[in-house]
């Protein structure tokens, strides 16, 4: 499934997958399952509520706006990052 996220980076039928390991405990916000899917049909509601305090279905594909605001919110709570795992990978 994850190969589709390689986009145009597939060479010779292969795609790079990067695995990272933290050197210290991290504070992360984890969006799991359908709440992680990027669809305008209500799946982003939990992300919207954390980000803006209400549901904004018209902003479904505003990735930069969503994560910029999430990062602003996260700084107040010492969040190191966000993980968004779509439903087929959970």
Protein backbone atom coordinates (compact mmCIF):
# COMPACT_ATOMS: atom_id res chain seq x y z
CA UNK A 1 0.00 0.00 0.00
CA UNK A 2 2.69 2.52 0.91
CA UNK A 3 4.30 2.32 -2.54
CA UNK A 4 1.55 4.60 -3.92
CA UNK A 5 3.01 7.41 -1.80
CA UNK A 6 6.29 7.21 -3.73
CA UNK A 7 4.65 9.10 -6.56
CA UNK A 8 7.19 9.66 -9.32
CA UNK A 9 10.09 8.46 -7.18
CA UNK A 10 9.83 4.82 -8.28
CA UNK A 11 12.98 3.72 -10.15
CA UNK A 12 13.44 0.27 -11.58
CA UNK A 13 10.23 -0.82 -9.88
CA UNK A 14 11.59 0.20 -6.47
CA UNK A 15 10.69 2.96 -4.07
CA UNK A 16 12.55 4.41 -1.09
CA UNK A 17 11.07 3.80 2.36
CA UNK A 18 12.67 5.67 5.22
CA UNK A 19 12.61 4.37 8.79
CA UNK A 20 13.56 6.76 11.55
CA UNK A 21 14.27 6.14 15.24
CA UNK A 22 14.05 8.76 17.96
CA UNK A 23 16.98 9.33 20.30
CA UNK A 24 14.70 10.57 23.08
CA UNK A 25 11.06 10.16 24.12
CA UNK A 26 8.80 12.24 21.86
CA UNK A 27 5.50 13.95 22.52
CA UNK A 28 3.38 13.26 19.45
CA UNK A 29 -0.26 13.66 18.55
CA UNK A 30 -1.45 10.59 16.69
CA UNK A 31 -4.43 10.69 14.33
CA UNK A 32 -5.46 7.13 13.58
CA UNK A 33 -7.82 5.40 11.21
CA UNK A 34 -10.45 7.34 9.35
CA UNK A 35 -9.65 10.54 11.28
CA UNK A 36 -6.37 10.57 9.36
CA UNK A 37 -7.88 10.25 5.88
CA UNK A 38 -7.82 13.39 3.73
CA UNK A 39 -11.44 13.46 2.56
CA UNK A 40 -14.03 16.26 2.70
CA UNK A 41 -16.73 13.90 4.04
CA UNK A 42 -16.18 14.27 7.78
CA UNK A 43 -13.06 12.18 8.23
CA UNK A 44 -10.88 15.15 9.19
CA UNK A 45 -13.24 16.31 11.96
CA UNK A 46 -10.94 15.40 14.87
CA UNK A 47 -8.01 17.16 13.16
CA UNK A 48 -10.22 20.19 12.46
CA UNK A 49 -11.36 20.41 16.08
CA UNK A 50 -7.79 20.24 17.40
CA UNK A 51 -6.57 22.68 14.75
CA UNK A 52 -9.31 25.29 14.60
CA UNK A 53 -11.79 24.40 17.34
CA UNK A 54 -14.54 23.56 14.87
CA UNK A 55 -15.18 21.45 11.77
CA UNK A 56 -14.14 23.02 8.45
CA UNK A 57 -14.95 20.62 5.59
CA UNK A 58 -14.13 23.26 2.96
CA UNK A 59 -10.52 23.25 4.19
CA UNK A 60 -10.02 19.50 3.63
CA UNK A 61 -7.04 19.83 1.34
CA UNK A 62 -5.38 22.87 2.94
CA UNK A 63 -2.40 20.83 4.18
CA UNK A 64 -0.11 23.81 4.79
CA UNK A 65 -2.78 25.72 6.69
CA UNK A 66 -3.75 22.67 8.74
CA UNK A 67 -0.22 21.73 9.77
CA UNK A 68 0.94 25.28 10.27
CA UNK A 69 -1.93 25.83 12.70
CA UNK A 70 -1.40 22.40 14.31
CA UNK A 71 2.25 23.29 14.89
CA UNK A 72 1.24 26.60 16.47
CA UNK A 73 -1.17 24.69 18.75
CA UNK A 74 1.43 22.01 19.50
CA UNK A 75 4.09 24.50 20.60
CA UNK A 76 1.86 25.47 23.55
CA UNK A 77 1.84 21.83 24.70
CA UNK A 78 5.45 20.88 23.84
CA UNK A 79 4.35 18.62 20.99
CA UNK A 80 7.31 17.41 18.95
CA UNK A 81 5.28 16.29 15.96
CA UNK A 82 2.18 14.73 14.46
CA UNK A 83 1.55 11.30 13.02
CA UNK A 84 -1.31 10.68 10.63
CA UNK A 85 -1.89 6.98 9.95
CA UNK A 86 -4.65 6.30 7.46
CA UNK A 87 -7.20 3.57 8.09
CA UNK A 88 -5.71 0.97 5.76
CA UNK A 89 -2.35 1.18 7.55
CA UNK A 90 -3.58 1.05 11.14
